[in-house]
C-alpha atoms as a PDB file:
ATOM      1  CA  MET A   1       7.414 -15.301  -9.103  1.00  0.00           C
ATOM      2  CA  LEU A   2       6.746 -12.145 -11.113  1.00  0.00           C
ATOM      3  CA  ASP A   3       9.398 -13.174 -13.641  1.00  0.00           C
ATOM      4  CA  ASP A   4       7.918 -16.676 -13.881  1.00  0.00           C
ATOM      5  CA  LEU A   5       4.484 -15.221 -14.673  1.00  0.00           C
ATOM      6  CA  GLY A   6       5.914 -12.812 -17.239  1.00  0.00           C
ATOM      7  CA  ALA A   7       4.674  -9.836 -15.219  1.00  0.00           C
ATOM      8  CA  ALA A   8       8.039  -8.335 -14.211  1.00  0.00           C
ATOM      9  CA  PRO A   9       8.646  -6.437 -17.477  1.00  0.00           C
ATOM     10  CA  LEU A  10       5.144  -4.951 -17.301  1.00  0.00           C
ATOM     11  CA  ILE A  11       5.683  -3.845 -13.708  1.00  0.00           C
ATOM     12  CA  THR A  12       9.176  -2.429 -14.077  1.00  0.00           C
ATOM     13  CA  ALA A  13       8.169  -0.476 -17.192  1.00  0.00           C
ATOM     14  CA  GLY A  14       5.913   1.671 -15.009  1.00  0.00           C
ATOM     15  CA  GLY A  15       8.379   2.007 -12.144  1.00  0.00           C
ATOM     16  CA  VAL A  16      10.285   5.154 -11.270  1.00  0.00           C
ATOM     17  CA  ILE A  17      14.007   4.994 -10.574  1.00  0.00           C
ATOM     18  CA  ASP A  18      14.831   8.650  -9.820  1.00  0.00           C
ATOM     19  CA  LEU A  19      11.910   9.608  -7.598  1.00  0.00           C
ATOM     20  CA  PRO A  20      12.461  13.028  -5.977  1.00  0.00           C
ATOM     21  CA  THR A  21      12.432  12.711  -2.214  1.00  0.00           C
ATOM     22  CA  ARG A  22      11.768  15.373   0.411  1.00  0.00           C
ATOM     23  CA  PHE A  23      14.708  16.025   2.730  1.00  0.00           C
ATOM     24  CA  HIS A  24      14.675  18.123   5.903  1.00  0.00           C
ATOM     25  CA  GLU A  25      17.822  20.178   6.381  1.00  0.00           C
ATOM     26  CA  PRO A  26      19.264  21.125   9.789  1.00  0.00           C
ATOM     27  CA  SER A  27      18.160  24.726   9.185  1.00  0.00           C
ATOM     28  CA  GLY A  28      14.555  23.545   9.045  1.00  0.00           C
ATOM     29  CA  ALA A  29      14.296  24.001   5.276  1.00  0.00           C
ATOM     30  CA  VAL A  30      12.561  21.320   3.244  1.00  0.00           C
ATOM     31  CA  VAL A  31      14.029  20.514  -0.173  1.00  0.00           C
ATOM     32  CA  ASP A  32      13.128  18.004  -2.876  1.00  0.00           C
ATOM     33  CA  MET A  33      16.155  16.163  -4.234  1.00  0.00           C
ATOM     34  CA  PRO A  34      16.751  12.882  -6.039  1.00  0.00           C
ATOM     35  CA  ILE A  35      17.593   9.977  -3.782  1.00  0.00           C
ATOM     36  CA  PRO A  36      21.268   9.016  -3.601  1.00  0.00           C
ATOM     37  CA  PRO A  37      22.049   6.343  -6.207  1.00  0.00           C
ATOM     38  CA  VAL A  38      22.014   2.812  -4.852  1.00  0.00           C
ATOM     39  CA  ARG A  39      22.790   0.317  -7.567  1.00  0.00           C
ATOM     40  CA  ALA A  40      23.469  -3.399  -7.165  1.00  0.00           C
ATOM     41  CA  GLY A  41      27.175  -4.162  -7.323  1.00  0.00           C
ATOM     42  CA  GLU A  42      28.749  -5.616 -10.448  1.00  0.00           C
ATOM     43  CA  ASN A  43      29.351  -8.916  -8.617  1.00  0.00           C
ATOM     44  CA  PHE A  44      25.603  -9.284  -7.920  1.00  0.00           C
ATOM     45  CA  ALA A  45      23.910 -10.750 -10.990  1.00  0.00           C
ATOM     46  CA  THR A  46      20.415  -9.308 -11.335  1.00  0.00           C
ATOM     47  CA  PRO A  47      18.307  -8.138 -14.271  1.00  0.00           C
ATOM     48  CA  TYR A  48      17.050  -5.220 -12.120  1.00  0.00           C
ATOM     49  CA  PRO A  49      20.128  -3.488 -10.607  1.00  0.00           C
ATOM     50  CA  ASP A  50      18.418  -0.214  -9.611  1.00  0.00           C
ATOM     51  CA  PRO A  51      15.942   0.185  -6.765  1.00  0.00           C
ATOM     52  CA  THR A  52      12.601   1.065  -8.318  1.00  0.00           C
ATOM     53  CA  TRP A  53       9.504   2.689  -6.834  1.00  0.00           C
ATOM     54  CA  ILE A  54       6.475   0.713  -7.988  1.00  0.00           C
ATOM     55  CA  GLY A  55       2.880   1.384  -7.018  1.00  0.00           C
ATOM     56  CA  ARG A  56       0.827  -1.513  -5.724  1.00  0.00           C
ATOM     57  CA  PHE A  57      -1.818  -0.712  -8.351  1.00  0.00           C
ATOM     58  CA  ASP A  58       0.815  -1.238 -11.082  1.00  0.00           C
ATOM     59  CA  VAL A  59       1.658  -4.674  -9.687  1.00  0.00           C
ATOM     60  CA  GLU A  60      -2.029  -5.582  -9.451  1.00  0.00           C
ATOM     61  CA  ALA A  61      -2.730  -4.381 -13.004  1.00  0.00           C
ATOM     62  CA  ALA A  62       0.174  -6.416 -14.409  1.00  0.00           C
ATOM     63  CA  LEU A  63      -0.889  -9.548 -12.521  1.00  0.00           C
ATOM     64  CA  ARG A  64      -4.491  -9.155 -13.690  1.00  0.00           C
ATOM     65  CA  HIS A  65      -3.301  -8.747 -17.272  1.00  0.00           C
ATOM     66  CA  ARG A  66      -1.130 -11.870 -17.083  1.00  0.00           C
ATOM     67  CA  LEU A  67      -4.003 -13.813 -15.474  1.00  0.00           C
ATOM     68  CA  GLU A  68      -6.274 -12.873 -18.384  1.00  0.00           C
ATOM     69  CA  VAL A  69      -3.597 -13.834 -20.925  1.00  0.00           C
ATOM     70  CA  LEU A  70      -3.275 -17.204 -19.184  1.00  0.00           C
ATOM     71  CA  GLY A  71      -7.046 -17.721 -19.393  1.00  0.00           C
ATOM     72  CA  GLY A  72      -8.051 -16.782 -15.845  1.00  0.00           C
ATOM     73  CA  ALA A  73     -10.128 -13.997 -14.354  1.00  0.00           C
ATOM     74  CA  VAL A  74     -10.463 -12.291 -10.998  1.00  0.00           C
ATOM     75  CA  GLU A  75     -13.841 -12.984  -9.434  1.00  0.00           C
ATOM     76  CA  TYR A  76     -14.952 -10.835  -6.521  1.00  0.00           C
ATOM     77  CA  GLY A  77     -17.404 -12.165  -3.956  1.00  0.00           C
ATOM     78  CA  SER A  78     -16.630 -15.812  -4.599  1.00  0.00           C
ATOM     79  CA  ALA A  79     -15.250 -18.296  -2.103  1.00  0.00           C
ATOM     80  CA  PRO A  80     -12.052 -20.172  -2.935  1.00  0.00           C
ATOM     81  CA  SER A  81     -12.739 -23.551  -4.486  1.00  0.00           C
ATOM     82  CA  THR A  82      -9.593 -25.192  -3.060  1.00  0.00           C
ATOM     83  CA  ARG A  83      -7.159 -24.426  -0.308  1.00  0.00           C
ATOM     84  CA  ASN A  84      -3.593 -25.660  -0.207  1.00  0.00           C
ATOM     85  CA  ARG A  85      -1.569 -25.322   2.948  1.00  0.00           C
ATOM     86  CA  ALA A  86       2.155 -25.827   3.142  1.00  0.00           C
ATOM     87  CA  ARG A  87       3.192 -28.654   5.421  1.00  0.00           C
ATOM     88  CA  THR A  88       5.498 -26.283   7.319  1.00  0.00           C
ATOM     89  CA  GLY A  89       2.498 -24.400   8.621  1.00  0.00           C
END
């Protein structure tokens, strides 16, 4: 969905791949280290092979931007004008 809206590049640009993570050692020491690399295998076709830490506010900002580009706007305090429910429930 994010790719279809053109928001994925905006979101992934702000993401962090090598986020330091706090590890607790058996001695009780706490150390900050990068997470072990976990990359999608070569046989898995994806434009985003690395796990990425993305803040919810970054996703919201990108979706708001794309909504504005597409001619829409977020309106707080307004009731939905239509409601579609999937037949599967």
